[in-house]
PDB file of all heavy atoms in Angstrom:
ATOM      1  N   VAL A   1     -19.399  85.329 -18.551  1.00  0.00           N
ATOM      2  CA  VAL A   1     -19.650  86.410 -19.493  1.00  0.00           C
ATOM      3  C   VAL A   1     -19.901  85.867 -20.893  1.00  0.00           C
ATOM      4  O   VAL A   1     -20.916  86.162 -21.516  1.00  0.00           O
ATOM      5  CB  VAL A   1     -18.466  87.409 -19.525  1.00  0.00           C
ATOM      6  CG1 VAL A   1     -18.703  88.483 -20.579  1.00  0.00           C
ATOM      7  CG2 VAL A   1     -18.235  88.027 -18.161  1.00  0.00           C
ATOM      8  N   ALA A   2     -18.963  85.070 -21.399  1.00  0.00           N
ATOM      9  CA  ALA A   2     -19.079  84.564 -22.763  1.00  0.00           C
ATOM     10  C   ALA A   2     -18.228  83.312 -22.921  1.00  0.00           C
ATOM     11  O   ALA A   2     -17.254  83.112 -22.195  1.00  0.00           O
ATOM     12  CB  ALA A   2     -18.648  85.618 -23.775  1.00  0.00           C
ATOM     13  N   GLY A   3     -18.603  82.467 -23.893  1.00  0.00           N
ATOM     14  CA  GLY A   3     -17.846  81.257 -24.165  1.00  0.00           C
ATOM     15  C   GLY A   3     -17.854  80.946 -25.647  1.00  0.00           C
ATOM     16  O   GLY A   3     -18.733  81.404 -26.395  1.00  0.00           O
ATOM     17  N   ILE A   4     -16.867  80.154 -26.063  1.00  0.00           N
ATOM     18  CA  ILE A   4     -16.780  79.770 -27.471  1.00  0.00           C
ATOM     19  C   ILE A   4     -16.207  78.368 -27.544  1.00  0.00           C
ATOM     20  O   ILE A   4     -15.288  78.017 -26.809  1.00  0.00           O
ATOM     21  CB  ILE A   4     -15.925  80.788 -28.270  1.00  0.00           C
ATOM     22  CG1 ILE A   4     -15.961  80.487 -29.769  1.00  0.00           C
ATOM     23  CG2 ILE A   4     -14.492  80.815 -27.749  1.00  0.00           C
ATOM     24  CD1 ILE A   4     -15.384  81.625 -30.620  1.00  0.00           C
ATOM     25  N   ARG A   5     -16.741  77.569 -28.457  1.00  0.00           N
ATOM     26  CA  ARG A   5     -16.246  76.207 -28.636  1.00  0.00           C
ATOM     27  C   ARG A   5     -16.594  75.713 -30.031  1.00  0.00           C
ATOM     28  O   ARG A   5     -17.490  76.239 -30.690  1.00  0.00           O
ATOM     29  CB  ARG A   5     -16.847  75.268 -27.592  1.00  0.00           C
ATOM     30  CG  ARG A   5     -18.338  75.079 -27.739  1.00  0.00           C
ATOM     31  CD  ARG A   5     -18.815  73.854 -26.993  1.00  0.00           C
ATOM     32  NE  ARG A   5     -18.204  72.652 -27.561  1.00  0.00           N
ATOM     33  CZ  ARG A   5     -18.245  71.470 -26.973  1.00  0.00           C
ATOM     34  NH1 ARG A   5     -18.849  71.327 -25.795  1.00  0.00           N
ATOM     35  NH2 ARG A   5     -17.680  70.425 -27.536  1.00  0.00           N
ATOM     36  N   TRP A   6     -15.913  74.680 -30.432  1.00  0.00           N
ATOM     37  CA  TRP A   6     -16.200  74.025 -31.695  1.00  0.00           C
ATOM     38  C   TRP A   6     -17.531  73.301 -31.564  1.00  0.00           C
ATOM     39  O   TRP A   6     -17.799  72.638 -30.563  1.00  0.00           O
ATOM     40  CB  TRP A   6     -15.071  73.045 -32.002  1.00  0.00           C
ATOM     41  CG  TRP A   6     -15.268  72.258 -33.250  1.00  0.00           C
ATOM     42  CD1 TRP A   6     -15.485  72.745 -34.509  1.00  0.00           C
ATOM     43  CD2 TRP A   6     -15.235  70.837 -33.372  1.00  0.00           C
ATOM     44  NE1 TRP A   6     -15.585  71.703 -35.388  1.00  0.00           N
ATOM     45  CE2 TRP A   6     -15.425  70.520 -34.731  1.00  0.00           C
ATOM     46  CE3 TRP A   6     -15.047  69.798 -32.462  1.00  0.00           C
ATOM     47  CZ2 TRP A   6     -15.450  69.212 -35.193  1.00  0.00           C
ATOM     48  CZ3 TRP A   6     -15.063  68.495 -32.925  1.00  0.00           C
ATOM     49  CH2 TRP A   6     -15.276  68.213 -34.283  1.00  0.00           C
ATOM     50  N   SER A   7     -18.375  73.415 -32.575  1.00  0.00           N
ATOM     51  CA  SER A   7     -19.703  72.832 -32.494  1.00  0.00           C
ATOM     52  C   SER A   7     -19.727  71.347 -32.793  1.00  0.00           C
ATOM     53  O   SER A   7     -20.698  70.665 -32.510  1.00  0.00           O
ATOM     54  CB  SER A   7     -20.643  73.549 -33.475  1.00  0.00           C
ATOM     55  OG  SER A   7     -20.286  73.236 -34.807  1.00  0.00           O
ATOM     56  N   GLY A   8     -18.640  70.835 -33.343  1.00  0.00           N
ATOM     57  CA  GLY A   8     -18.613  69.426 -33.717  1.00  0.00           C
ATOM     58  C   GLY A   8     -19.089  69.188 -35.125  1.00  0.00           C
ATOM     59  O   GLY A   8     -19.027  68.068 -35.628  1.00  0.00           O
ATOM     60  N   TRP A   9     -19.569  70.221 -35.792  1.00  0.00           N
ATOM     61  CA  TRP A   9     -20.070  70.074 -37.147  1.00  0.00           C
ATOM     62  C   TRP A   9     -19.369  71.058 -38.080  1.00  0.00           C
ATOM     63  O   TRP A   9     -19.954  71.506 -39.055  1.00  0.00           O
ATOM     64  CB  TRP A   9     -21.566  70.293 -37.187  1.00  0.00           C
ATOM     65  CG  TRP A   9     -22.303  69.343 -36.311  1.00  0.00           C
ATOM     66  CD1 TRP A   9     -22.843  69.607 -35.096  1.00  0.00           C
ATOM     67  CD2 TRP A   9     -22.537  67.951 -36.543  1.00  0.00           C
ATOM     68  NE1 TRP A   9     -23.414  68.485 -34.557  1.00  0.00           N
ATOM     69  CE2 TRP A   9     -23.238  67.451 -35.425  1.00  0.00           C
ATOM     70  CE3 TRP A   9     -22.228  67.079 -37.605  1.00  0.00           C
ATOM     71  CZ2 TRP A   9     -23.639  66.119 -35.334  1.00  0.00           C
ATOM     72  CZ3 TRP A   9     -22.630  65.756 -37.507  1.00  0.00           C
ATOM     73  CH2 TRP A   9     -23.321  65.290 -36.378  1.00  0.00           C
ATOM     74  N   GLY A  10     -18.137  71.389 -37.727  1.00  0.00           N
ATOM     75  CA  GLY A  10     -17.354  72.291 -38.567  1.00  0.00           C
ATOM     76  C   GLY A  10     -17.615  73.752 -38.287  1.00  0.00           C
ATOM     77  O   GLY A  10     -17.085  74.618 -38.977  1.00  0.00           O
ATOM     78  N   GLY A  11     -18.442  74.036 -37.306  1.00  0.00           N
ATOM     79  CA  GLY A  11     -18.740  75.420 -36.979  1.00  0.00           C
ATOM     80  C   GLY A  11     -18.332  75.762 -35.569  1.00  0.00           C
ATOM     81  O   GLY A  11     -17.646  74.992 -34.887  1.00  0.00           O
ATOM     82  N   THR A  12     -18.742  76.923 -35.145  1.00  0.00           N
ATOM     83  CA  THR A  12     -18.390  77.426 -33.826  1.00  0.00           C
ATOM     84  C   THR A  12     -19.650  77.843 -33.081  1.00  0.00           C
ATOM     85  O   THR A  12     -20.534  78.472 -33.667  1.00  0.00           O
ATOM     86  CB  THR A  12     -17.450  78.639 -33.936  1.00  0.00           C
ATOM     87  OG1 THR A  12     -16.258  78.248 -34.600  1.00  0.00           O
ATOM     88  CG2 THR A  12     -17.092  79.181 -32.552  1.00  0.00           C
ATOM     89  N   ASN A  13     -19.725  77.470 -31.823  1.00  0.00           N
ATOM     90  CA  ASN A  13     -20.818  77.921 -30.973  1.00  0.00           C
ATOM     91  C   ASN A  13     -20.320  79.001 -30.043  1.00  0.00           C
ATOM     92  O   ASN A  13     -19.216  78.900 -29.486  1.00  0.00           O
ATOM     93  CB  ASN A  13     -21.362  76.758 -30.145  1.00  0.00           C
ATOM     94  CG  ASN A  13     -22.161  75.776 -30.981  1.00  0.00           C
ATOM     95  OD1 ASN A  13     -22.622  76.097 -32.062  1.00  0.00           O
ATOM     96  ND2 ASN A  13     -22.317  74.565 -30.471  1.00  0.00           N
ATOM     97  N   THR A  14     -21.103  80.030 -29.894  1.00  0.00           N
ATOM     98  CA  THR A  14     -20.794  81.070 -28.920  1.00  0.00           C
ATOM     99  C   THR A  14     -21.931  81.191 -27.923  1.00  0.00           C
ATOM    100  O   THR A  14     -23.086  80.892 -28.238  1.00  0.00           O
ATOM    101  CB  THR A  14     -20.558  82.434 -29.594  1.00  0.00           C
ATOM    102  OG1 THR A  14     -21.706  82.774 -30.380  1.00  0.00           O
ATOM    103  CG2 THR A  14     -19.335  82.392 -30.499  1.00  0.00           C
ATOM    104  N   TYR A  15     -21.592  81.611 -26.714  1.00  0.00           N
ATOM    105  CA  TYR A  15     -22.545  81.686 -25.629  1.00  0.00           C
ATOM    106  C   TYR A  15     -22.330  82.994 -24.889  1.00  0.00           C
ATOM    107  O   TYR A  15     -21.190  83.442 -24.726  1.00  0.00           O
ATOM    108  CB  TYR A  15     -22.326  80.515 -24.648  1.00  0.00           C
ATOM    109  CG  TYR A  15     -22.216  79.167 -25.311  1.00  0.00           C
ATOM    110  CD1 TYR A  15     -20.980  78.697 -25.765  1.00  0.00           C
ATOM    111  CD2 TYR A  15     -23.335  78.350 -25.471  1.00  0.00           C
ATOM    112  CE1 TYR A  15     -20.864  77.461 -26.375  1.00  0.00           C
ATOM    113  CE2 TYR A  15     -23.223  77.100 -26.071  1.00  0.00           C
ATOM    114  CZ  TYR A  15     -21.984  76.673 -26.514  1.00  0.00           C
ATOM    115  OH  TYR A  15     -21.868  75.442 -27.113  1.00  0.00           O
ATOM    116  N   TYR A  16     -23.425  83.576 -24.409  1.00  0.00           N
ATOM    117  CA  TYR A  16     -23.327  84.854 -23.719  1.00  0.00           C
ATOM    118  C   TYR A  16     -24.257  84.896 -22.517  1.00  0.00           C
ATOM    119  O   TYR A  16     -25.356  84.338 -22.545  1.00  0.00           O
ATOM    120  CB  TYR A  16     -23.691  86.010 -24.659  1.00  0.00           C
ATOM    121  CG  TYR A  16     -22.775  86.136 -25.844  1.00  0.00           C
ATOM    122  CD1 TYR A  16     -23.075  85.546 -27.061  1.00  0.00           C
ATOM    123  CD2 TYR A  16     -21.577  86.843 -25.730  1.00  0.00           C
ATOM    124  CE1 TYR A  16     -22.223  85.646 -28.138  1.00  0.00           C
ATOM    125  CE2 TYR A  16     -20.716  86.958 -26.811  1.00  0.00           C
ATOM    126  CZ  TYR A  16     -21.052  86.358 -28.011  1.00  0.00           C
ATOM    127  OH  TYR A  16     -20.192  86.464 -29.072  1.00  0.00           O
ATOM    128  N   ALA A  17     -23.807  85.595 -21.495  1.00  0.00           N
ATOM    129  CA  ALA A  17     -24.698  85.910 -20.391  1.00  0.00           C
ATOM    130  C   ALA A  17     -25.734  86.912 -20.883  1.00  0.00           C
ATOM    131  O   ALA A  17     -25.452  87.736 -21.766  1.00  0.00           O
ATOM    132  CB  ALA A  17     -23.897  86.505 -19.229  1.00  0.00           C
ATOM    133  N   ASP A  18     -26.921  86.839 -20.329  1.00  0.00           N
ATOM    134  CA  ASP A  18     -27.983  87.748 -20.761  1.00  0.00           C
ATOM    135  C   ASP A  18     -27.578  89.209 -20.603  1.00  0.00           C
ATOM    136  O   ASP A  18     -27.980  90.060 -21.399  1.00  0.00           O
ATOM    137  CB  ASP A  18     -29.250  87.478 -19.946  1.00  0.00           C
ATOM    138  CG  ASP A  18     -29.918  86.168 -20.330  1.00  0.00           C
ATOM    139  OD1 ASP A  18     -29.604  85.630 -21.415  1.00  0.00           O
ATOM    140  OD2 ASP A  18     -30.751  85.681 -19.552  1.00  0.00           O
ATOM    141  N   SER A  19     -26.803  89.500 -19.596  1.00  0.00           N
ATOM    142  CA  SER A  19     -26.438  90.884 -19.304  1.00  0.00           C
ATOM    143  C   SER A  19     -25.529  91.503 -20.357  1.00  0.00           C
ATOM    144  O   SER A  19     -25.389  92.729 -20.411  1.00  0.00           O
ATOM    145  CB  SER A  19     -25.751  90.965 -17.936  1.00  0.00           C
ATOM    146  OG  SER A  19     -24.584  90.164 -17.918  1.00  0.00           O
ATOM    147  N   VAL A  20     -24.909  90.670 -21.205  1.00  0.00           N
ATOM    148  CA  VAL A  20     -23.980  91.217 -22.201  1.00  0.00           C
ATOM    149  C   VAL A  20     -24.394  90.921 -23.638  1.00  0.00           C
ATOM    150  O   VAL A  20     -23.743  91.383 -24.576  1.00  0.00           O
ATOM    151  CB  VAL A  20     -22.543  90.703 -21.966  1.00  0.00           C
ATOM    152  CG1 VAL A  20     -22.098  90.972 -20.529  1.00  0.00           C
ATOM    153  CG2 VAL A  20     -22.408  89.219 -22.301  1.00  0.00           C
ATOM    154  N   LYS A  21     -25.466  90.169 -23.817  1.00  0.00           N
ATOM    155  CA  LYS A  21     -25.916  89.837 -25.170  1.00  0.00           C
ATOM    156  C   LYS A  21     -26.194  91.099 -25.964  1.00  0.00           C
ATOM    157  O   LYS A  21     -26.826  92.031 -25.486  1.00  0.00           O
ATOM    158  CB  LYS A  21     -27.184  88.982 -25.101  1.00  0.00           C
ATOM    159  CG  LYS A  21     -26.934  87.505 -24.912  1.00  0.00           C
ATOM    160  CD  LYS A  21     -28.239  86.723 -24.889  1.00  0.00           C
ATOM    161  CE  LYS A  21     -27.990  85.261 -24.613  1.00  0.00           C
ATOM    162  NZ  LYS A  21     -29.252  84.496 -24.499  1.00  0.00           N
ATOM    163  N   GLY A  22     -25.708  91.093 -27.189  1.00  0.00           N
ATOM    164  CA  GLY A  22     -25.902  92.247 -28.063  1.00  0.00           C
ATOM    165  C   GLY A  22     -24.861  93.331 -27.884  1.00  0.00           C
ATOM    166  O   GLY A  22     -24.776  94.250 -28.708  1.00  0.00           O
ATOM    167  N   ARG A  23     -24.068  93.243 -26.823  1.00  0.00           N
ATOM    168  CA  ARG A  23     -23.028  94.249 -26.580  1.00  0.00           C
ATOM    169  C   ARG A  23     -21.621  93.661 -26.661  1.00  0.00           C
ATOM    170  O   ARG A  23     -20.695  94.345 -27.106  1.00  0.00           O
ATOM    171  CB  ARG A  23     -23.226  94.884 -25.196  1.00  0.00           C
ATOM    172  CG  ARG A  23     -24.554  95.566 -25.004  1.00  0.00           C
ATOM    173  CD  ARG A  23     -24.589  96.338 -23.683  1.00  0.00           C
ATOM    174  NE  ARG A  23     -24.424  95.475 -22.521  1.00  0.00           N
ATOM    175  CZ  ARG A  23     -23.470  95.627 -21.611  1.00  0.00           C
ATOM    176  NH1 ARG A  23     -22.582  96.598 -21.727  1.00  0.00           N
ATOM    177  NH2 ARG A  23     -23.406  94.800 -20.575  1.00  0.00           N
ATOM    178  N   PHE A  24     -21.463  92.421 -26.234  1.00  0.00           N
ATOM    179  CA  PHE A  24     -20.148  91.773 -26.220  1.00  0.00           C
ATOM    180  C   PHE A  24     -20.089  90.706 -27.307  1.00  0.00           C
ATOM    181  O   PHE A  24     -21.098  90.053 -27.613  1.00  0.00           O
ATOM    182  CB  PHE A  24     -19.884  91.110 -24.871  1.00  0.00           C
ATOM    183  CG  PHE A  24     -19.680  92.060 -23.721  1.00  0.00           C
ATOM    184  CD1 PHE A  24     -19.944  93.417 -23.822  1.00  0.00           C
ATOM    185  CD2 PHE A  24     -19.209  91.578 -22.505  1.00  0.00           C
ATOM    186  CE1 PHE A  24     -19.751  94.274 -22.757  1.00  0.00           C
ATOM    187  CE2 PHE A  24     -19.008  92.416 -21.422  1.00  0.00           C
ATOM    188  CZ  PHE A  24     -19.287  93.775 -21.556  1.00  0.00           C
ATOM    189  N   THR A  25     -18.888  90.505 -27.839  1.00  0.00           N
ATOM    190  CA  THR A  25     -18.670  89.463 -28.836  1.00  0.00           C
ATOM    191  C   THR A  25     -17.395  88.706 -28.493  1.00  0.00           C
ATOM    192  O   THR A  25     -16.335  89.320 -28.300  1.00  0.00           O
ATOM    193  CB  THR A  25     -18.544  90.058 -30.241  1.00  0.00           C
ATOM    194  OG1 THR A  25     -19.731  90.795 -30.559  1.00  0.00           O
ATOM    195  CG2 THR A  25     -18.357  88.957 -31.278  1.00  0.00           C
ATOM    196  N   ILE A  26     -17.504  87.393 -28.442  1.00  0.00           N
ATOM    197  CA  ILE A  26     -16.328  86.562 -28.229  1.00  0.00           C
ATOM    198  C   ILE A  26     -15.904  85.985 -29.573  1.00  0.00           C
ATOM    199  O   ILE A  26     -16.732  85.613 -30.399  1.00  0.00           O
ATOM    200  CB  ILE A  26     -16.604  85.439 -27.202  1.00  0.00           C
ATOM    201  CG1 ILE A  26     -15.314  84.694 -26.854  1.00  0.00           C
ATOM    202  CG2 ILE A  26     -17.681  84.484 -27.689  1.00  0.00           C
ATOM    203  CD1 ILE A  26     -15.460  83.730 -25.685  1.00  0.00           C
ATOM    204  N   SER A  27     -14.595  85.937 -29.788  1.00  0.00           N
ATOM    205  CA  SER A  27     -14.066  85.390 -31.033  1.00  0.00           C
ATOM    206  C   SER A  27     -12.694  84.793 -30.738  1.00  0.00           C
ATOM    207  O   SER A  27     -12.126  85.000 -29.668  1.00  0.00           O
ATOM    208  CB  SER A  27     -13.964  86.467 -32.110  1.00  0.00           C
ATOM    209  OG  SER A  27     -13.106  87.517 -31.689  1.00  0.00           O
ATOM    210  N   ARG A  28     -12.171  84.051 -31.710  1.00  0.00           N
ATOM    211  CA  ARG A  28     -10.866  83.436 -31.503  1.00  0.00           C
ATOM    212  C   ARG A  28     -10.067  83.452 -32.798  1.00  0.00           C
ATOM    213  O   ARG A  28     -10.635  83.436 -33.890  1.00  0.00           O
ATOM    214  CB  ARG A  28     -11.024  82.013 -30.973  1.00  0.00           C
ATOM    215  CG  ARG A  28     -11.619  81.019 -31.952  1.00  0.00           C
ATOM    216  CD  ARG A  28     -12.051  79.726 -31.264  1.00  0.00           C
ATOM    217  NE  ARG A  28     -10.969  79.069 -30.551  1.00  0.00           N
ATOM    218  CZ  ARG A  28     -11.133  78.067 -29.712  1.00  0.00           C
ATOM    219  NH1 ARG A  28     -12.359  77.614 -29.466  1.00  0.00           N
ATOM    220  NH2 ARG A  28     -10.114  77.512 -29.097  1.00  0.00           N
ATOM    221  N   ASP A  29      -8.756  83.470 -32.627  1.00  0.00           N
ATOM    222  CA  ASP A  29      -7.828  83.354 -33.748  1.00  0.00           C
ATOM    223  C   ASP A  29      -6.904  82.197 -33.398  1.00  0.00           C
ATOM    224  O   ASP A  29      -5.951  82.363 -32.621  1.00  0.00           O
ATOM    225  CB  ASP A  29      -7.057  84.667 -33.925  1.00  0.00           C
ATOM    226  CG  ASP A  29      -6.153  84.642 -35.146  1.00  0.00           C
ATOM    227  OD1 ASP A  29      -5.795  83.533 -35.613  1.00  0.00           O
ATOM    228  OD2 ASP A  29      -5.788  85.722 -35.640  1.00  0.00           O
ATOM    229  N   ASN A  30      -7.192  81.036 -33.930  1.00  0.00           N
ATOM    230  CA  ASN A  30      -6.423  79.847 -33.575  1.00  0.00           C
ATOM    231  C   ASN A  30      -4.966  79.952 -33.994  1.00  0.00           C
ATOM    232  O   ASN A  30      -4.089  79.393 -33.342  1.00  0.00           O
ATOM    233  CB  ASN A  30      -7.059  78.606 -34.182  1.00  0.00           C
ATOM    234  CG  ASN A  30      -8.375  78.249 -33.519  1.00  0.00           C
ATOM    235  OD1 ASN A  30      -8.613  78.585 -32.355  1.00  0.00           O
ATOM    236  ND2 ASN A  30      -9.248  77.583 -34.252  1.00  0.00           N
ATOM    237  N   ALA A  31      -4.703  80.671 -35.066  1.00  0.00           N
ATOM    238  CA  ALA A  31      -3.315  80.821 -35.525  1.00  0.00           C
ATOM    239  C   ALA A  31      -2.482  81.582 -34.500  1.00  0.00           C
ATOM    240  O   ALA A  31      -1.258  81.417 -34.437  1.00  0.00           O
ATOM    241  CB  ALA A  31      -3.284  81.532 -36.863  1.00  0.00           C
ATOM    242  N   LYS A  32      -3.143  82.417 -33.710  1.00  0.00           N
ATOM    243  CA  LYS A  32      -2.452  83.212 -32.693  1.00  0.00           C
ATOM    244  C   LYS A  32      -2.692  82.685 -31.291  1.00  0.00           C
ATOM    245  O   LYS A  32      -2.275  83.310 -30.314  1.00  0.00           O
ATOM    246  CB  LYS A  32      -2.898  84.673 -32.776  1.00  0.00           C
ATOM    247  CG  LYS A  32      -2.545  85.350 -34.088  1.00  0.00           C
ATOM    248  CD  LYS A  32      -2.997  86.807 -34.086  1.00  0.00           C
ATOM    249  CE  LYS A  32      -2.615  87.486 -35.386  1.00  0.00           C
ATOM    250  NZ  LYS A  32      -3.058  88.907 -35.420  1.00  0.00           N
ATOM    251  N   ASN A  33      -3.394  81.555 -31.171  1.00  0.00           N
ATOM    252  CA  ASN A  33      -3.733  81.002 -29.852  1.00  0.00           C
ATOM    253  C   ASN A  33      -4.389  82.057 -28.966  1.00  0.00           C
ATOM    254  O   ASN A  33      -4.100  82.139 -27.765  1.00  0.00           O
ATOM    255  CB  ASN A  33      -2.482  80.453 -29.160  1.00  0.00           C
ATOM    256  CG  ASN A  33      -1.857  79.321 -29.935  1.00  0.00           C
ATOM    257  OD1 ASN A  33      -2.534  78.592 -30.657  1.00  0.00           O
ATOM    258  ND2 ASN A  33      -0.549  79.177 -29.828  1.00  0.00           N
TER     259      ASN A  33
END
């Protein structure tokens, strides 16, 4: 469905399946794990 990872350049990369692009958003709060 979706994925998130550190880009290696201080940013974040997100990935989505075509079926959910534009409707779903993945995010993270590292302070809350």
